[in-house]
Protein backbone atom coordinates (compact mmCIF):
# COMPACT_ATOMS: atom_id res chain seq x y z
CA MET A 1 65.41 -35.70 -71.80
CA ARG A 2 67.44 -32.87 -69.51
CA ALA A 3 70.55 -34.04 -67.88
CA GLY A 4 70.30 -34.94 -64.21
CA TRP A 5 66.30 -34.92 -64.78
CA GLN A 6 64.15 -38.25 -62.95
CA PRO A 7 60.31 -38.25 -62.78
CA THR A 8 58.96 -38.91 -59.20
CA PRO A 9 57.71 -42.42 -58.26
CA VAL A 10 54.03 -40.31 -58.36
CA GLU A 11 54.92 -38.68 -61.61
CA LEU A 12 55.88 -41.96 -62.83
CA ARG A 13 52.94 -43.64 -62.30
CA ARG A 14 50.75 -40.75 -63.62
CA GLN A 15 52.65 -41.65 -67.08
CA GLN A 16 52.51 -45.09 -67.01
CA ASP A 17 48.57 -44.89 -66.35
CA MET A 18 48.40 -42.39 -69.46
CA GLN A 19 50.54 -44.50 -71.63
CA GLN A 20 48.13 -48.04 -70.68
CA ARG A 21 44.99 -46.19 -72.32
CA PRO A 22 44.33 -46.81 -75.92
CA PRO A 23 45.58 -44.41 -78.07
CA GLU A 24 41.80 -43.52 -79.68
CA GLU A 25 41.36 -42.23 -75.98
CA LEU A 26 43.99 -39.74 -76.30
CA SER A 27 43.63 -36.69 -78.57
CA GLU A 28 46.68 -35.97 -80.90
CA LEU A 29 47.01 -32.62 -78.94
CA TYR A 30 47.58 -34.70 -75.34
CA GLN A 31 49.78 -37.18 -77.16
CA THR A 32 52.14 -34.26 -78.19
CA ALA A 33 51.96 -32.79 -75.15
CA LEU A 34 53.35 -36.38 -72.91
CA SER A 35 55.82 -37.13 -75.41
CA CYS A 36 57.23 -33.32 -74.57
CA TYR A 37 57.09 -34.45 -71.47
CA GLN A 38 59.01 -37.64 -72.47
CA ALA A 39 61.35 -35.47 -73.92
CA GLY A 40 62.49 -33.40 -70.90
CA ILE A 41 60.70 -30.09 -72.51
CA ASN A 42 57.38 -28.19 -70.41
CA VAL A 43 54.49 -27.32 -71.73
CA LEU A 44 51.73 -24.53 -71.63
CA PRO A 45 48.24 -24.23 -72.62
CA ILE A 46 47.04 -21.36 -75.31
CA ARG A 47 44.13 -19.35 -75.05
CA THR A 48 41.65 -20.19 -77.81
CA ASP A 49 40.60 -16.55 -78.72
CA GLY A 50 43.36 -15.49 -81.64
CA SER A 51 45.87 -13.92 -78.56
CA LYS A 52 48.12 -16.44 -78.91
CA CYS A 53 48.65 -15.52 -75.10
CA PRO A 54 48.84 -18.83 -72.11
CA ALA A 55 45.92 -19.93 -70.83
CA LEU A 56 47.42 -19.12 -67.23
CA LYS A 57 48.00 -15.39 -65.04
CA GLY A 58 51.59 -16.41 -63.81
CA TRP A 59 53.43 -19.37 -66.73
CA LYS A 60 56.80 -18.27 -65.88
CA ILE A 61 56.89 -20.36 -62.67
CA TYR A 62 57.21 -22.94 -65.66
CA GLN A 63 60.81 -21.39 -66.66
CA GLN A 64 61.75 -22.81 -63.00
CA ARG A 65 60.33 -26.09 -62.58
CA ARG A 66 58.85 -29.24 -64.35
CA THR A 67 55.08 -29.17 -65.22
CA THR A 68 53.42 -32.29 -63.87
CA PRO A 69 51.43 -34.87 -65.72
CA GLY A 70 48.39 -33.76 -63.44
CA GLU A 71 48.64 -30.41 -65.52
CA ILE A 72 49.37 -31.76 -68.33
CA ARG A 73 46.16 -34.18 -68.14
CA GLN A 74 43.97 -30.82 -66.90
CA TRP A 75 45.08 -28.51 -69.35
CA PHE A 76 45.18 -30.94 -72.66
CA TYR A 77 43.58 -34.07 -71.90
CA ARG A 78 39.81 -33.09 -73.36
CA ALA A 79 42.02 -30.74 -76.22
CA ALA A 80 40.68 -27.39 -74.63
CA TYR A 81 43.64 -25.50 -75.13
CA GLY A 82 46.51 -25.06 -77.87
CA LEU A 83 49.92 -26.73 -77.04
CA ALA A 84 52.87 -24.40 -76.62
CA VAL A 85 56.80 -25.35 -75.45
CA VAL A 86 58.71 -23.42 -72.79
CA THR A 87 62.02 -22.91 -74.68
CA GLY A 88 65.70 -22.51 -73.11
CA ASP A 89 67.42 -24.35 -70.02
CA ILE A 90 64.39 -25.69 -68.43
CA SER A 91 63.63 -28.28 -71.33
CA GLY A 92 67.20 -28.96 -71.70
CA GLY A 93 68.54 -26.26 -73.85
CA LEU A 94 65.66 -26.14 -76.74
CA GLU A 95 65.60 -23.13 -79.05
CA ALA A 96 63.04 -22.54 -81.95
CA LEU A 97 64.40 -20.59 -85.09
CA ASP A 98 60.90 -19.01 -86.12
CA ILE A 99 60.71 -17.94 -89.58
CA ASP A 100 58.14 -15.40 -90.35
CA SER A 101 56.86 -16.13 -93.81
CA ARG A 102 56.64 -18.37 -96.51
CA GLU A 103 58.76 -15.87 -98.93
CA THR A 104 61.48 -15.45 -96.11
CA TYR A 105 61.77 -19.18 -95.27
CA GLN A 106 62.55 -19.78 -99.37
CA ALA A 107 64.98 -16.91 -99.16
CA TRP A 108 67.11 -18.01 -96.58
CA LEU A 109 66.55 -21.84 -97.63
CA GLU A 110 68.14 -21.11 -100.67
CA ARG A 111 71.21 -19.78 -98.73
CA ILE A 112 71.08 -23.18 -96.93
CA ARG A 113 71.12 -24.86 -100.24
CA ASP A 114 74.51 -23.13 -101.32
CA ASP A 115 76.33 -23.43 -98.10
CA PRO A 116 78.35 -26.85 -98.09
CA VAL A 117 78.31 -26.39 -94.03
CA LEU A 118 74.90 -24.94 -93.33
CA ARG A 119 73.06 -27.34 -95.85
CA PRO A 120 74.27 -30.71 -93.48
CA LEU A 121 73.08 -29.02 -90.07
CA TYR A 122 69.88 -28.07 -91.81
CA GLU A 123 69.17 -31.40 -92.73
CA ARG A 124 69.84 -32.54 -89.53
CA ILE A 125 67.82 -29.89 -88.01
CA VAL A 126 64.82 -30.20 -89.90
CA ALA A 127 64.94 -34.46 -89.75
CA GLY A 128 64.79 -33.62 -86.00
CA TYR A 129 61.82 -30.95 -85.94
CA LEU A 130 60.00 -28.54 -88.98
CA GLU A 131 56.81 -27.20 -88.90
CA ALA A 132 54.62 -24.99 -90.88
CA THR A 133 53.23 -22.15 -88.94
CA PRO A 134 49.75 -20.51 -90.25
CA ASP A 135 50.96 -17.89 -91.60
CA GLY A 136 52.95 -20.34 -93.86
CA GLY A 137 56.19 -19.53 -92.14
CA ARG A 138 58.44 -22.51 -90.64
CA HIS A 139 59.55 -23.17 -87.13
CA LEU A 140 62.93 -25.48 -86.24
CA LEU A 141 63.40 -27.00 -82.99
CA TYR A 142 66.78 -27.88 -81.96
CA ARG A 143 68.93 -28.10 -78.34
CA CYS A 144 72.06 -26.25 -77.67
CA GLU A 145 74.32 -25.53 -74.85
CA GLY A 146 74.23 -21.99 -73.47
CA VAL A 147 71.08 -20.61 -75.78
CA GLY A 148 70.61 -17.44 -74.28
CA ARG A 149 67.56 -15.16 -74.28
CA ASN A 150 65.00 -14.48 -77.73
CA GLN A 151 66.41 -12.62 -80.39
CA THR A 152 65.46 -10.75 -83.24
CA LEU A 153 67.66 -11.56 -85.71
CA ALA A 154 66.32 -9.38 -88.60
CA ARG A 155 63.45 -7.55 -89.69
CA ARG A 156 62.09 -5.08 -92.32
CA PRO A 157 61.22 -1.50 -92.28
CA LEU A 158 57.14 -0.97 -92.83
CA ALA A 159 56.54 0.82 -96.00
CA SER A 160 53.31 2.41 -94.95
CA GLU A 161 53.67 3.26 -91.29
CA GLN A 162 56.63 3.76 -88.78
CA GLY A 163 58.07 0.61 -87.53
CA TYR A 164 59.35 -2.83 -88.55
CA GLN A 165 58.35 -6.26 -89.66
CA THR A 166 60.11 -9.37 -87.78
CA LEU A 167 61.52 -11.46 -90.32
CA ILE A 168 63.64 -14.34 -88.11
CA GLU A 169 64.02 -14.47 -84.62
CA THR A 170 64.88 -16.66 -82.10
CA ARG A 171 62.43 -18.29 -78.38
CA GLY A 172 65.16 -19.49 -75.91
CA ASN A 173 65.28 -18.18 -72.32
CA GLY A 174 62.36 -16.26 -71.39
CA GLY A 175 60.42 -17.28 -74.48
CA MET A 176 57.30 -19.80 -75.44
CA LEU A 177 56.27 -21.21 -78.94
CA ILE A 178 53.02 -22.60 -79.88
CA ILE A 179 53.29 -25.74 -81.90
CA ALA A 180 51.49 -28.60 -83.68
CA PRO A 181 49.04 -29.80 -83.69
CA SER A 182 47.54 -26.44 -82.05
CA GLY A 183 44.85 -25.61 -84.51
CA GLY A 184 41.30 -23.29 -84.28
CA ARG A 185 41.23 -20.00 -82.90
CA VAL A 186 44.86 -20.76 -81.25
CA HIS A 187 45.95 -18.63 -83.80
CA PRO A 188 44.00 -15.34 -85.03
CA SER A 189 43.52 -16.95 -89.05
CA GLY A 190 42.19 -19.96 -88.05
CA ARG A 191 44.45 -22.00 -89.53
CA PRO A 192 46.82 -24.61 -87.73
CA TYR A 193 50.00 -25.35 -87.56
CA ARG A 194 51.59 -28.19 -89.05
CA LEU A 195 54.21 -30.82 -88.12
CA LEU A 196 56.32 -31.16 -91.46
CA SER A 197 59.14 -33.72 -90.63
CA GLY A 198 60.39 -35.30 -86.90
CA GLY A 199 58.67 -34.74 -83.56
CA VAL A 200 59.42 -33.60 -79.99
CA MET A 201 61.40 -37.06 -79.12
CA GLN A 202 63.77 -36.51 -82.71
CA ILE A 203 64.68 -33.18 -81.95
CA ALA A 204 68.36 -33.09 -82.73
CA THR A 205 71.02 -30.99 -80.70
CA ILE A 206 73.54 -29.20 -82.01
CA THR A 207 76.71 -27.79 -81.03
CA PRO A 208 77.56 -23.71 -79.78
CA GLN A 209 79.23 -23.25 -83.27
CA GLU A 210 76.66 -24.64 -85.33
CA ARG A 211 74.62 -22.48 -83.98
CA SER A 212 76.46 -19.35 -84.32
CA LEU A 213 76.11 -20.03 -88.04
CA LEU A 214 72.94 -20.37 -88.22
CA LEU A 215 72.18 -17.54 -86.32
CA ALA A 216 74.34 -15.65 -88.50
CA LEU A 217 73.11 -16.71 -91.48
CA GLY A 218 69.49 -14.88 -89.97
CA ARG A 219 71.10 -12.10 -89.03
CA SER A 220 72.04 -11.68 -92.72
CA PHE A 221 68.46 -10.66 -93.65
CA ASP A 222 68.12 -8.04 -91.20
CA GLU A 223 67.24 -4.80 -93.75
CA THR A 224 66.87 -2.35 -90.97
CA PRO A 225 69.41 0.73 -91.06
CA ALA A 226 72.94 -0.14 -89.40
CA ARG A 227 72.70 3.07 -87.41
CA ILE A 228 69.83 2.58 -84.60
CA ARG A 229 68.82 4.95 -82.16
CA GLU A 230 67.10 5.05 -79.67
CA GLU A 231 63.25 5.59 -79.08
CA ARG A 232 63.35 8.81 -77.09
CA ALA A 233 59.75 9.11 -77.29
CA SER A 234 59.29 6.13 -74.37
CA TYR A 235 63.05 6.47 -72.82
CA VAL A 236 64.97 9.52 -72.47
CA VAL A 237 68.50 9.73 -71.02
CA ALA A 238 68.46 13.08 -68.73
CA PRO A 239 71.45 15.30 -68.35
CA GLY A 240 71.86 13.67 -64.86
CA GLY A 241 71.55 10.18 -66.60
CA PHE A 242 69.00 8.90 -64.96
CA VAL A 243 65.83 7.86 -67.24
CA GLU A 244 62.85 10.16 -67.67
CA GLY A 245 59.99 7.93 -67.13
CA GLN A 246 56.84 6.77 -65.60
CA GLY A 247 58.85 3.93 -64.32
CA THR A 248 56.08 0.89 -65.00
CA ARG A 249 57.00 0.06 -68.20
CA PRO A 250 59.27 -3.08 -69.21
CA GLY A 251 62.34 -1.11 -70.15
CA ASP A 252 62.07 0.95 -66.70
CA LEU A 253 61.67 -2.43 -64.52
CA PHE A 254 64.26 -3.87 -66.38
CA ASN A 255 67.06 -0.84 -66.39
CA GLN A 256 66.12 -1.27 -62.57
CA SER A 257 66.55 -4.79 -61.97
CA ALA A 258 69.32 -6.16 -64.56
CA ARG A 259 72.60 -6.85 -64.20
CA TRP A 260 74.92 -5.18 -66.68
CA GLU A 261 77.00 -8.81 -66.72
CA GLU A 262 72.99 -10.22 -67.65
CA ILE A 263 72.90 -8.10 -70.62
CA LEU A 264 76.93 -7.88 -72.12
CA CYS A 265 78.57 -11.04 -71.02
CA PRO A 266 76.52 -13.56 -73.34
CA HIS A 267 77.47 -11.54 -75.95
CA GLY A 268 81.04 -12.04 -75.86
CA TRP A 269 82.23 -8.79 -73.86
CA ARG A 270 84.45 -9.23 -70.66
CA LEU A 271 84.34 -7.41 -67.42
CA VAL A 272 87.81 -6.91 -67.00
CA ARG A 273 87.66 -4.84 -63.09
CA GLN A 274 85.73 -2.86 -61.09
CA VAL A 275 87.13 0.38 -59.35
CA ASN A 276 84.57 2.38 -56.82
CA GLY A 277 81.74 0.68 -59.12
CA VAL A 278 82.60 1.64 -62.47
CA GLY A 279 82.86 -1.41 -64.57
CA GLN A 280 85.46 -1.34 -67.27
CA TRP A 281 85.04 -3.64 -70.10
CA ARG A 282 86.40 -5.40 -73.30
CA ARG A 283 84.67 -5.79 -76.09
CA PRO A 284 84.56 -9.36 -78.01
CA GLY A 285 87.16 -9.90 -80.08
CA LYS A 286 89.53 -7.23 -78.63
CA LYS A 287 93.03 -9.08 -77.89
CA GLY A 288 95.62 -7.67 -75.91
CA PRO A 289 94.96 -4.99 -72.78
CA GLY A 290 93.00 -1.86 -73.17
CA ILE A 291 89.20 -1.09 -71.82
CA SER A 292 86.14 -1.28 -75.10
CA ALA A 293 83.52 0.51 -72.51
CA THR A 294 82.57 1.39 -69.08
CA THR A 295 79.49 1.10 -67.03
CA ASN A 296 77.86 3.28 -64.00
CA TYR A 297 80.11 6.11 -64.65
CA ALA A 298 79.95 8.70 -61.99
CA GLY A 299 76.57 6.60 -61.04
CA ASN A 300 74.74 7.07 -63.98
CA ASP A 301 73.96 3.26 -64.37
CA LEU A 302 74.87 4.01 -68.27
CA LEU A 303 76.89 1.99 -70.95
CA TYR A 304 78.95 4.15 -72.93
CA VAL A 305 81.33 2.54 -75.37
CA PHE A 306 84.60 4.24 -76.47
CA SER A 307 85.30 1.38 -79.71
CA THR A 308 84.24 2.11 -83.28
CA ALA A 309 84.21 -2.00 -83.22
CA THR A 310 80.54 -3.03 -81.90
CA SER A 311 76.74 -2.55 -82.41
CA PHE A 312 77.25 0.54 -80.64
CA GLU A 313 77.33 3.99 -81.35
CA PRO A 314 80.76 5.61 -79.88
CA GLU A 315 80.89 7.99 -77.25
CA ARG A 316 77.02 7.81 -75.85
CA GLY A 317 75.88 6.34 -73.03
CA TYR A 318 73.13 3.50 -72.99
CA THR A 319 70.25 2.53 -70.32
CA LYS A 320 70.05 -1.31 -70.02
CA PHE A 321 66.62 -1.32 -71.78
CA THR A 322 68.67 0.45 -74.77
CA ALA A 323 71.68 -1.80 -74.81
CA TYR A 324 69.33 -5.18 -74.61
CA ALA A 325 67.20 -4.07 -77.62
CA ILE A 326 70.33 -3.47 -79.77
CA LEU A 327 72.33 -6.75 -78.67
CA GLU A 328 69.20 -9.12 -78.51
CA HIS A 329 66.50 -7.60 -80.78
CA ALA A 330 68.64 -5.63 -83.57
CA GLY A 331 67.38 -2.34 -82.08
CA ASP A 332 63.77 -2.94 -82.11
CA PHE A 333 62.58 -1.61 -79.00
CA SER A 334 58.94 -2.56 -79.34
CA ALA A 335 60.16 -6.44 -79.73
CA ALA A 336 62.44 -5.93 -76.46
CA ALA A 337 59.82 -4.56 -74.74
CA ARG A 338 57.14 -7.56 -75.61
CA ALA A 339 60.04 -9.83 -74.62
CA LEU A 340 60.45 -8.38 -71.35
CA VAL A 341 56.46 -8.53 -70.75
CA GLU A 342 56.89 -12.21 -71.87
CA GLU A 343 59.79 -12.52 -68.99
CA GLY A 344 57.65 -11.37 -66.18
CA TYR A 345 58.30 -7.40 -66.46
CA VAL A 346 55.25 -6.19 -65.63
CA ARG A 347 53.61 -4.57 -62.82
């Protein structure tokens, strides 16, 4: 349960009332939702139309406040919806590793089994929570301090068309994840999510160092070209440094409201100083003095990188959306835009 949180007397009475009901009166979905509540995990109802979207107009509020027993009863008592957990800090540092397919999972697992450090970590995580998705992939749930936002770790170019297939990603702050026993038309296939081991009351807690190893392994499956370019069809940096666009797309809204500290600092960048509105940055791992990049030079609100030892191409400017897509989604602009929509960057 999330540290420092305690149910109110009203919530406690409702919880006790629900626990006193005979188990046969409660659906498995409802019991799982109640267990999530007891474990300090926020939940959401999911539509049964195959869209995998929340059955709420404004679910982002549940990234800031706890779901209540009354809401859980309203949503799940008659099992009218699918069940999703809200990941991130609101649920006690909950993060999900989402592996897209059975093929990718088996290849990932082979590498786990050959690693004397990762194998016991994997065994600890799956003892806490492992489930199969309707498409044959896997969800691994764990808790960790400082999970950050959703990230795309690995993807593969599509052979028949432009774009990429996501292979491995995380769901953290700003994210949600559909879990077992959701079934029926919650997923387009009509197949259910299946819990394979553990449960929401048994989710393991790992260290930031262990998480870094886990995510590094996921990134090793990335098949995209090393040289990442901006999708200029959607976002064009004009000579004056501004972004030409309609101003209402997720990336446009992100460019207008996000702060460079929120984008760069979680990835090890350090803001050394600000001079006349220009941020001077030092790249991750750099020792001693020296500046690796600037932000907002000449008031253009761009990131301009000098170093060759980063994820960015040197000697060019990056918008906030482009930097976010590279750092959080391996350069997949479509995935980055979808993630921002989920975080509320819509108008």
